[in-house]
Protein backbone atom coordinates (compact mmCIF):
# COMPACT_ATOMS: atom_id res chain seq x y z
CA UNK A 1 -30.03 7.79 3.38
CA UNK A 2 -33.36 6.02 3.83
CA UNK A 3 -35.62 7.92 6.27
CA UNK A 4 -37.81 6.29 8.90
CA UNK A 5 -41.35 6.29 7.53
CA UNK A 6 -44.62 5.65 9.33
CA UNK A 7 -44.50 1.89 8.72
CA UNK A 8 -40.96 1.56 10.08
CA UNK A 9 -41.83 3.71 13.09
CA UNK A 10 -44.90 1.57 13.82
CA UNK A 11 -42.81 -1.59 13.58
CA UNK A 12 -40.09 -0.23 15.88
CA UNK A 13 -42.61 0.94 18.48
CA UNK A 14 -44.40 -2.40 18.39
CA UNK A 15 -41.20 -4.15 19.45
CA UNK A 16 -40.35 -1.50 22.02
CA UNK A 17 -43.75 -1.75 23.70
CA UNK A 18 -43.53 -5.52 23.83
CA UNK A 19 -40.05 -5.78 25.34
CA UNK A 20 -39.09 -2.46 26.98
CA UNK A 21 -42.30 -1.05 28.46
CA UNK A 22 -42.46 -0.62 31.37
CA UNK A 23 -38.81 0.19 31.96
CA UNK A 24 -37.04 2.42 34.46
CA UNK A 25 -34.87 5.26 33.13
CA UNK A 26 -31.51 4.95 34.87
CA UNK A 27 -29.35 7.28 32.80
CA UNK A 28 -29.47 9.77 29.93
CA UNK A 29 -26.48 10.37 27.65
CA UNK A 30 -26.22 12.64 24.61
CA UNK A 31 -23.97 11.25 21.89
CA UNK A 32 -23.94 14.27 19.59
CA UNK A 33 -26.03 17.28 18.58
CA UNK A 34 -28.90 15.09 17.39
CA UNK A 35 -28.85 11.87 19.44
CA UNK A 36 -29.54 10.86 23.03
CA UNK A 37 -29.53 7.45 24.69
CA UNK A 38 -31.74 6.53 27.66
CA UNK A 39 -30.71 3.53 29.76
CA UNK A 40 -33.83 1.44 30.43
CA UNK A 41 -34.00 -1.29 33.05
CA UNK A 42 -36.71 -3.96 32.78
CA UNK A 43 -37.32 -7.33 34.40
CA UNK A 44 -35.50 -8.94 31.46
CA UNK A 45 -32.40 -6.77 31.32
CA UNK A 46 -30.94 -3.37 30.49
CA UNK A 47 -30.66 -1.56 27.17
CA UNK A 48 -30.07 1.87 25.65
CA UNK A 49 -33.02 3.52 23.91
CA UNK A 50 -31.60 5.67 21.11
CA UNK A 51 -33.62 8.73 20.06
CA UNK A 52 -32.34 10.80 17.15
CA UNK A 53 -33.77 13.98 15.62
CA UNK A 54 -31.28 14.27 12.76
CA UNK A 55 -32.91 15.83 9.65
CA UNK A 56 -32.08 12.81 7.49
CA UNK A 57 -31.89 10.04 10.09
CA UNK A 58 -34.47 10.74 12.81
CA UNK A 59 -35.37 7.47 14.52
CA UNK A 60 -36.05 5.60 17.76
CA UNK A 61 -34.63 2.15 18.51
CA UNK A 62 -32.52 0.17 20.95
CA UNK A 63 -28.89 0.97 20.17
CA UNK A 64 -25.34 0.47 21.37
CA UNK A 65 -24.14 1.68 24.79
CA UNK A 66 -22.66 5.20 24.66
CA UNK A 67 -18.89 5.73 24.84
CA UNK A 68 -17.19 6.23 28.19
CA UNK A 69 -16.47 9.91 27.70
CA UNK A 70 -17.99 12.87 29.57
CA UNK A 71 -21.35 14.18 28.39
CA UNK A 72 -21.08 17.97 28.08
CA UNK A 73 -24.50 18.74 26.55
CA UNK A 74 -26.96 20.77 28.62
CA UNK A 75 -30.02 19.20 26.96
CA UNK A 76 -29.19 15.71 28.23
CA UNK A 77 -28.39 17.16 31.65
CA UNK A 78 -31.93 18.55 31.85
CA UNK A 79 -33.44 15.25 30.71
CA UNK A 80 -31.31 13.34 33.19
CA UNK A 81 -32.43 15.59 36.03
CA UNK A 82 -36.14 15.22 35.21
CA UNK A 83 -36.42 11.61 33.98
CA UNK A 84 -33.87 9.87 36.19
CA UNK A 85 -35.55 7.14 38.24
CA UNK A 86 -38.90 7.47 36.47
CA UNK A 87 -40.51 4.57 34.61
CA UNK A 88 -41.34 4.60 30.91
CA UNK A 89 -44.96 3.43 31.10
CA UNK A 90 -46.23 3.99 27.54
CA UNK A 91 -45.25 4.83 23.97
CA UNK A 92 -48.26 6.36 22.25
CA UNK A 93 -48.84 7.90 18.83
CA UNK A 94 -50.54 11.29 18.96
CA UNK A 95 -52.77 10.61 15.93
CA UNK A 96 -53.20 8.02 13.16
CA UNK A 97 -50.64 8.25 10.36
CA UNK A 98 -48.56 10.84 12.24
CA UNK A 99 -44.88 10.24 13.00
CA UNK A 100 -45.00 11.84 16.45
CA UNK A 101 -44.66 9.73 19.60
CA UNK A 102 -45.54 10.48 23.21
CA UNK A 103 -43.17 8.69 25.60
CA UNK A 104 -44.85 8.82 28.99
CA UNK A 105 -42.87 8.64 32.25
CA UNK A 106 -44.32 8.11 35.73
CA UNK A 107 -42.95 7.36 39.19
CA UNK A 108 -44.10 3.77 38.79
CA UNK A 109 -46.29 1.74 36.40
CA UNK A 110 -50.00 2.29 36.90
CA UNK A 111 -49.68 5.93 37.94
CA UNK A 112 -50.52 8.95 35.76
CA UNK A 113 -47.58 10.24 33.68
CA UNK A 114 -45.48 12.99 35.23
CA UNK A 115 -43.45 13.72 32.09
CA UNK A 116 -44.13 13.53 28.37
CA UNK A 117 -41.21 13.18 25.96
CA UNK A 118 -42.49 13.98 22.47
CA UNK A 119 -40.44 12.43 19.66
CA UNK A 120 -41.18 14.18 16.36
CA UNK A 121 -39.77 12.21 13.42
CA UNK A 122 -40.73 14.56 10.60
CA UNK A 123 -37.68 15.05 8.39
CA UNK A 124 -35.90 18.38 8.68
CA UNK A 125 -38.43 19.47 11.33
CA UNK A 126 -37.62 16.55 13.65
CA UNK A 127 -37.37 17.45 17.32
CA UNK A 128 -37.41 16.13 20.87
CA UNK A 129 -39.54 17.97 23.43
CA UNK A 130 -40.03 17.34 27.16
CA UNK A 131 -43.20 18.60 28.86
CA UNK A 132 -44.68 18.23 32.32
CA UNK A 133 -48.04 16.69 33.18
CA UNK A 134 -49.79 19.90 32.09
CA UNK A 135 -48.07 19.77 28.68
CA UNK A 136 -45.94 22.84 29.36
CA UNK A 137 -42.57 22.66 27.61
CA UNK A 138 -39.71 22.14 30.06
CA UNK A 139 -36.88 21.70 27.57
CA UNK A 140 -36.45 20.96 23.88
CA UNK A 141 -33.65 19.89 21.59
CA UNK A 142 -34.39 22.73 19.18
CA UNK A 143 -36.36 25.86 20.02
CA UNK A 144 -38.35 27.59 17.28
CA UNK A 145 -39.20 31.29 17.64
CA UNK A 146 -41.94 33.22 15.87
CA UNK A 147 -39.25 34.74 13.63
CA UNK A 148 -38.29 31.26 12.47
CA UNK A 149 -41.83 29.96 11.94
CA UNK A 150 -45.20 31.63 11.68
CA UNK A 151 -47.01 28.29 11.86
CA UNK A 152 -45.72 26.77 15.10
CA UNK A 153 -43.36 28.00 17.79
CA UNK A 154 -41.54 25.79 20.30
CA UNK A 155 -40.35 27.65 23.39
CA UNK A 156 -39.75 26.59 26.97
CA UNK A 157 -42.61 27.55 29.27
CA UNK A 158 -45.29 27.61 26.59
CA UNK A 159 -47.92 24.87 26.02
CA UNK A 160 -46.91 22.10 23.65
CA UNK A 161 -48.70 22.23 20.31
CA UNK A 162 -48.93 19.32 17.92
CA UNK A 163 -47.33 19.68 14.49
CA UNK A 164 -49.69 20.72 11.68
CA UNK A 165 -51.78 17.76 10.58
CA UNK A 166 -51.00 16.19 7.23
CA UNK A 167 -53.55 16.48 4.47
CA UNK A 168 -54.64 13.71 2.17
CA UNK A 169 -56.77 10.60 2.26
CA UNK A 170 -56.03 8.08 4.98
CA UNK A 171 -55.65 4.45 3.86
CA UNK A 172 -58.35 2.08 5.08
CA UNK A 173 -58.79 -1.68 5.06
CA UNK A 174 -62.53 -1.32 4.50
CA UNK A 175 -62.16 0.74 1.32
CA UNK A 176 -63.49 -1.31 -1.62
CA UNK A 177 -61.19 -2.32 -4.43
CA UNK A 178 -63.12 -0.30 -7.00
CA UNK A 179 -62.85 2.92 -4.99
CA UNK A 180 -59.13 2.38 -4.37
CA UNK A 181 -58.41 1.64 -8.03
CA UNK A 182 -60.34 4.68 -9.23
CA UNK A 183 -58.54 6.96 -6.80
CA UNK A 184 -55.05 5.79 -7.78
CA UNK A 185 -55.77 5.83 -11.53
CA UNK A 186 -57.70 9.11 -11.57
CA UNK A 187 -54.69 11.03 -12.90
CA UNK A 188 -52.37 9.05 -15.20
CA UNK A 189 -48.79 8.74 -13.99
CA UNK A 190 -46.17 6.40 -12.57
CA UNK A 191 -47.95 3.93 -10.33
CA UNK A 192 -45.62 4.44 -7.34
CA UNK A 193 -46.00 8.22 -7.54
CA UNK A 194 -49.77 7.96 -7.82
CA UNK A 195 -49.91 5.89 -4.64
CA UNK A 196 -47.94 8.61 -2.85
CA UNK A 197 -50.17 11.37 -4.19
CA UNK A 198 -53.43 9.55 -3.48
CA UNK A 199 -52.86 8.54 0.15
CA UNK A 200 -51.00 9.68 3.23
CA UNK A 201 -48.80 7.44 5.35
CA UNK A 202 -46.63 6.12 2.52
CA UNK A 203 -43.00 6.85 1.75
CA UNK A 204 -41.24 6.63 -1.62
CA UNK A 205 -39.35 3.55 -0.41
CA UNK A 206 -42.51 1.78 0.72
CA UNK A 207 -44.44 2.64 -2.45
CA UNK A 208 -41.60 1.43 -4.65
CA UNK A 209 -41.20 -1.87 -2.78
CA UNK A 210 -44.97 -2.43 -2.75
CA UNK A 211 -45.20 -2.01 -6.52
CA UNK A 212 -42.18 -4.25 -7.09
CA UNK A 213 -43.65 -6.91 -4.79
CA UNK A 214 -46.70 -6.93 -7.07
CA UNK A 215 -44.43 -7.69 -10.03
CA UNK A 216 -44.67 -4.22 -11.55
CA UNK A 217 -42.28 -1.43 -12.47
CA UNK A 218 -42.63 1.56 -10.11
CA UNK A 219 -42.24 3.90 -13.11
CA UNK A 220 -44.90 2.10 -15.12
CA UNK A 221 -47.87 4.29 -16.02
CA UNK A 222 -51.23 3.53 -14.47
CA UNK A 223 -52.73 3.63 -17.97
CA UNK A 224 -50.81 0.49 -18.96
CA UNK A 225 -51.87 -1.69 -16.01
CA UNK A 226 -54.08 -4.68 -16.69
CA UNK A 227 -56.87 -5.77 -14.36
CA UNK A 228 -54.66 -8.56 -13.00
CA UNK A 229 -51.94 -5.99 -12.25
CA UNK A 230 -54.38 -3.89 -10.25
CA UNK A 231 -55.55 -6.97 -8.36
CA UNK A 232 -51.98 -7.97 -7.45
CA UNK A 233 -51.17 -4.45 -6.31
CA UNK A 234 -54.34 -4.26 -4.24
CA UNK A 235 -53.39 -7.51 -2.49
CA UNK A 236 -50.06 -5.96 -1.46
CA UNK A 237 -51.90 -2.84 -0.35
CA UNK A 238 -54.20 -4.92 1.84
CA UNK A 239 -51.23 -6.89 3.21
CA UNK A 240 -49.56 -3.66 4.28
CA UNK A 241 -52.67 -2.32 6.01
CA UNK A 242 -53.37 -5.65 7.71
CA UNK A 243 -49.82 -5.74 9.07
CA UNK A 244 -50.24 -2.26 10.54
CA UNK A 245 -53.57 -3.27 12.06
CA UNK A 246 -52.10 -6.41 13.64
CA UNK A 247 -49.25 -4.36 15.11
CA UNK A 248 -51.73 -1.86 16.51
CA UNK A 249 -53.78 -4.61 18.17
CA UNK A 250 -50.68 -6.18 19.66
CA UNK A 251 -49.37 -2.85 20.95
CA UNK A 252 -52.74 -2.02 22.50
CA UNK A 253 -52.90 -5.34 24.27
CA UNK A 254 -49.19 -5.19 25.21
CA UNK A 255 -49.34 -8.67 26.74
CA UNK A 256 -47.13 -9.41 29.71
CA UNK A 257 -46.70 -13.01 30.89
CA UNK A 258 -48.26 -13.49 34.29
CA UNK A 259 -45.04 -14.97 35.61
CA UNK A 260 -43.32 -11.61 35.01
CA UNK A 261 -45.85 -9.50 36.87
CA UNK A 262 -44.55 -7.64 39.92
CA UNK A 263 -47.10 -9.47 42.10
CA UNK A 264 -45.05 -12.63 41.70
CA UNK A 265 -41.93 -10.83 42.82
CA UNK A 266 -43.29 -9.36 46.05
CA UNK A 267 -41.17 -9.60 49.19
CA UNK A 268 -44.07 -11.44 50.88
CA UNK A 269 -42.56 -14.69 49.65
CA UNK A 270 -39.43 -13.86 51.59
CA UNK A 271 -41.03 -13.25 54.99
CA UNK A 272 -39.15 -14.59 58.03
CA UNK A 273 -41.97 -17.10 58.58
CA UNK A 274 -40.86 -18.86 55.43
CA UNK A 275 -37.30 -19.04 56.66
CA UNK A 276 -37.92 -20.67 60.06
CA UNK A 277 -35.54 -23.42 61.16
CA UNK A 278 -38.49 -25.84 61.08
CA UNK A 279 -38.22 -25.81 57.31
CA UNK A 280 -34.66 -27.04 57.56
CA UNK A 281 -35.32 -30.22 59.59
CA UNK A 282 -33.47 -33.37 58.51
CA UNK A 283 -36.78 -34.89 57.50
CA UNK A 284 -37.22 -32.15 54.95
CA UNK A 285 -33.66 -32.40 53.76
CA UNK A 286 -34.12 -36.05 52.98
CA UNK A 287 -36.79 -35.33 50.39
CA UNK A 288 -34.57 -34.75 47.37
CA UNK A 289 -37.44 -34.50 44.95
CA UNK A 290 -39.00 -31.71 46.98
CA UNK A 291 -35.78 -29.73 47.07
CA UNK A 292 -35.30 -30.01 43.33
CA UNK A 293 -38.76 -28.75 42.50
CA UNK A 294 -39.07 -25.11 41.47
CA UNK A 295 -42.18 -22.98 41.03
CA UNK A 296 -43.49 -23.29 37.51
CA UNK A 297 -43.57 -19.53 37.08
CA UNK A 298 -39.79 -19.33 37.58
CA UNK A 299 -38.81 -21.89 34.96
CA UNK A 300 -36.32 -20.50 32.40
CA UNK A 301 -38.68 -21.30 29.54
CA UNK A 302 -41.18 -18.79 30.89
CA UNK A 303 -38.58 -16.05 31.12
CA UNK A 304 -37.52 -16.10 27.48
CA UNK A 305 -38.04 -12.82 25.62
CA UNK A 306 -39.57 -14.83 22.77
CA UNK A 307 -42.80 -14.93 24.76
CA UNK A 308 -43.02 -11.17 24.36
CA UNK A 309 -42.38 -11.03 20.62
CA UNK A 310 -45.34 -10.48 18.29
CA UNK A 311 -45.80 -13.22 15.75
CA UNK A 312 -46.36 -12.66 12.03
CA UNK A 313 -46.31 -8.88 12.21
CA UNK A 314 -43.33 -7.30 10.51
CA UNK A 315 -40.45 -9.07 8.79
CA UNK A 316 -37.32 -6.89 8.91
CA UNK A 317 -34.50 -7.42 6.47
CA UNK A 318 -31.91 -5.88 4.18
CA UNK A 319 -32.68 -4.94 0.59
CA UNK A 320 -30.51 -3.87 -2.32
CA UNK A 321 -31.43 -0.23 -1.68
CA UNK A 322 -31.44 -0.25 2.14
CA UNK A 323 -33.83 -2.02 4.51
CA UNK A 324 -37.48 -2.99 4.88
CA UNK A 325 -39.83 -4.12 7.63
CA UNK A 326 -42.18 -5.81 5.17
CA UNK A 327 -41.54 -9.12 3.44
CA UNK A 328 -40.72 -7.39 0.15
CA UNK A 329 -37.40 -7.58 -1.64
CA UNK A 330 -35.43 -8.96 1.30
CA UNK A 331 -31.98 -10.24 0.34
CA UNK A 332 -30.88 -10.91 3.93
CA UNK A 333 -33.18 -11.19 6.96
CA UNK A 334 -32.47 -9.22 10.13
CA UNK A 335 -32.68 -10.49 13.70
CA UNK A 336 -35.20 -7.84 14.68
CA UNK A 337 -36.18 -4.28 13.87
CA UNK A 338 -34.04 -2.74 16.62
CA UNK A 339 -30.79 -4.27 15.39
CA UNK A 340 -31.75 -3.49 11.79
CA UNK A 341 -32.25 0.23 12.41
CA UNK A 342 -29.24 0.50 14.69
CA UNK A 343 -26.93 -1.22 12.19
CA UNK A 344 -28.19 0.71 9.17
CA UNK A 345 -27.94 4.20 10.63
CA UNK A 346 -24.71 3.50 12.49
CA UNK A 347 -23.09 2.41 9.23
CA UNK A 348 -24.55 5.36 7.35
CA UNK A 349 -23.26 7.83 9.93
CA UNK A 350 -19.83 6.18 9.95
CA UNK A 351 -19.63 6.50 6.17
CA UNK A 352 -20.80 10.10 6.34
CA UNK A 353 -18.22 10.91 9.02
CA UNK A 354 -15.47 9.20 7.02
CA UNK A 355 -16.36 11.22 3.92
CA UNK A 356 -16.40 14.44 5.93
CA UNK A 357 -12.98 13.79 7.47
CA UNK A 358 -11.60 12.67 4.11
CA UNK A 359 -12.74 15.91 2.49
CA UNK A 360 -11.27 17.99 5.33
CA UNK A 361 -7.91 16.24 5.13
CA UNK A 362 -7.85 16.45 1.34
CA UNK A 363 -8.61 20.17 1.44
CA UNK A 364 -5.96 20.81 4.09
CA UNK A 365 -3.39 18.77 2.20
CA UNK A 366 -4.12 20.63 -1.04
CA UNK A 367 -3.76 23.97 0.75
CA UNK A 368 -0.41 22.95 2.22
CA UNK A 369 0.82 21.69 -1.15
CA UNK A 370 -0.23 24.94 -2.78
CA UNK A 371 1.72 26.95 -0.20
CA UNK A 372 4.78 24.74 -0.62
CA UNK A 373 4.67 25.16 -4.39
CA UNK A 374 4.49 28.93 -3.97
CA UNK A 375 7.53 28.87 -1.68
CA UNK A 376 9.40 26.62 -4.09
CA UNK A 377 8.66 28.94 -7.00
CA UNK A 378 9.99 31.95 -5.05
CA UNK A 379 13.45 30.36 -4.88
CA UNK A 380 13.74 30.28 -8.67
């Protein structure tokens, strides 16, 4: 199963900030041991924010509505009690190149956050932690005691500590080509592996697709690369970093069309003075053109979600090995990153569940057949 890497997480959060922040949390539902869904209400509609801390499939995206069955998990009950009615006002990363998000909730947009929901998408150590405004842990999906870890404990009531920082060189757009090429080729080896070893922030899937997009074999040794090969690979490297930078700028700006601002939806426009009978005189009713006119800021064209979508950032799609958010190796484009992630991991979990049930039934059937054969042999 393809894990969510830093690039995919950045792409998903870029879309979420543009279309679902701010949004009011109306409900919290826990699907299973590793997945919750938060119902968000915005000016454009309602959706379910899926947050998963599964060791192989940790992710955050807009997903399907939960089933209509009772939620019996205590963790979601605690989240529902604390976050219900609060507004999701920000989705922040705690540090560059780290896959840890800070979902901030406040009573209303513009106010300081009352709750912090930390989403840690870090493989088998993935977790979901709720803290108050003072960063004291209120509840967590998985508690870690000092017997389980000597590096970092996660217990209710204690201050929240960030995961240990990753080591390694951070990629940079301003790094010269010569320095980059020398770093990657310092130790001979497969070019995709050397990219992973030389810099942080990459995943095996991203490194492989980047090398293939440059027309190279991921297993090809760095010693066999020509100057033109290095140039092509560096162009893909720069494309990746530029895409991340563009997404960061868009997320920081987080543009909201002026016609969707709450100031345009204030009840002041509905004061009784505007509803006086004088406005309903026959003279006014005879002016058909006046009655047909609508404020420009309420035209349907201005309310389309397309106005909130970043242009030329990420290009999600399906590949032969899984999915990508870069324009590399796409065999079928996806509508957006949210539907891509939701479809991929839903299908993967369904296949995993089918295999698990198939193995259970096969084992039970074999046990029953073995017992029947033993009974049959006893009659002889």
